[in-house]
Amino acid sequence: MIIITFIRLYKFNWKKCLIINPLNKTVFHYMIQSQNDLARILDEAAHTAKEVEQISKLHQISIDEAYSIQAASIDRRLKRGEKITGFKLGFTSKAKMEQMGVHDIIWGRLTDSMNYTDGGILHRSKFIHPRVEPEIAFSIKKRIDKPISISKIIDYADGVAGALEVIDSRYKNFKFSLEDVIADNCSSSGYVIGPWMDISTAIGNLNISLLINDKEVQSGNSNAILGNPLESLVEISRMTQKYGFVIETGQVVLAGAATPAVYFDIGDRIEGHVEKLGSIMIKVV
């Protein structure tokens, strides 16, 4: 029989797990880190572009705990002077869920350090194993502090645009559980937004494509985003309220990808094309 005991070390807010085999009195132990410790590890991994082990290999955390770790990690960014610029949704398409092996919608936060200019450059050295995906973005004109319906979106959003999102898991081999990726701010790393169009623009059933060095590497349809990209605003309004956050005037929402993400490297020229919404481009150096 194996005996497992836990000793809390209050000085560090850690627990030590003692695993005792009474047959040979062998004792194994490891440290169970606090949410703040895990947030620090993930934040430093993102800040230094150094990969780390999955949290789930040593720690069992719930989805709520994962969002708490995400919040603590974002707080570290804010203390360095970054500002929240919006929110993103993840796993809003069946293709994306299948690619990542997860089965639920997730959300993360965007900051000004992640914002890249359309037609600008992106430094590969800031990332670990980056991938890019074409998306649709919304601009918010009125504070969203409660769940909204599709019929009310026109009251809260004033623009829609094509976008590119750069995702970069901080975990080794880009492998993670649902809780892992939530804690890692849903792999949020960068975004590029194209020209804004009026929110009244019809965005159902639009062709979307991703090109790298003028070669189409992925294509999809806007309906792959929750059946209707506008549903992403409904979902993010529900989820942010659940966790005590609001979407402020002037912020943006990335609706989620319509295609699987594609790896890129130095020298690549990345373009996203969204029917009716135009093109977005960035170069990697």
Foldseek 3Di string as FASTA:
>chain_A
DKDWDWDQDVVQRKIKIWIADVVVRDIDIDIHHDLLVVLVVLLVCLQQQAADAFNVVPDDDDLLSLLVSQVSNVVVVVVVPKDWQAKEKEPQFPQRCVVQVHDDIAMFTDTPVQEDEFVEADEQSSHHFKWKFKFKKWAFAAKQQAFDDLVCVLVTTFWMAIKMFIFGQRHPPSHYYPSRCSSSRVRGRHMYTDDIDTPPDAQAFKKKFKDKPNHTDKIFTCCSRNNGLSVLSNVVSHVCNVVVHMGHHNHMYTSYGGHHIGTDDAQIKMKMQIPPRGMGIYHYD
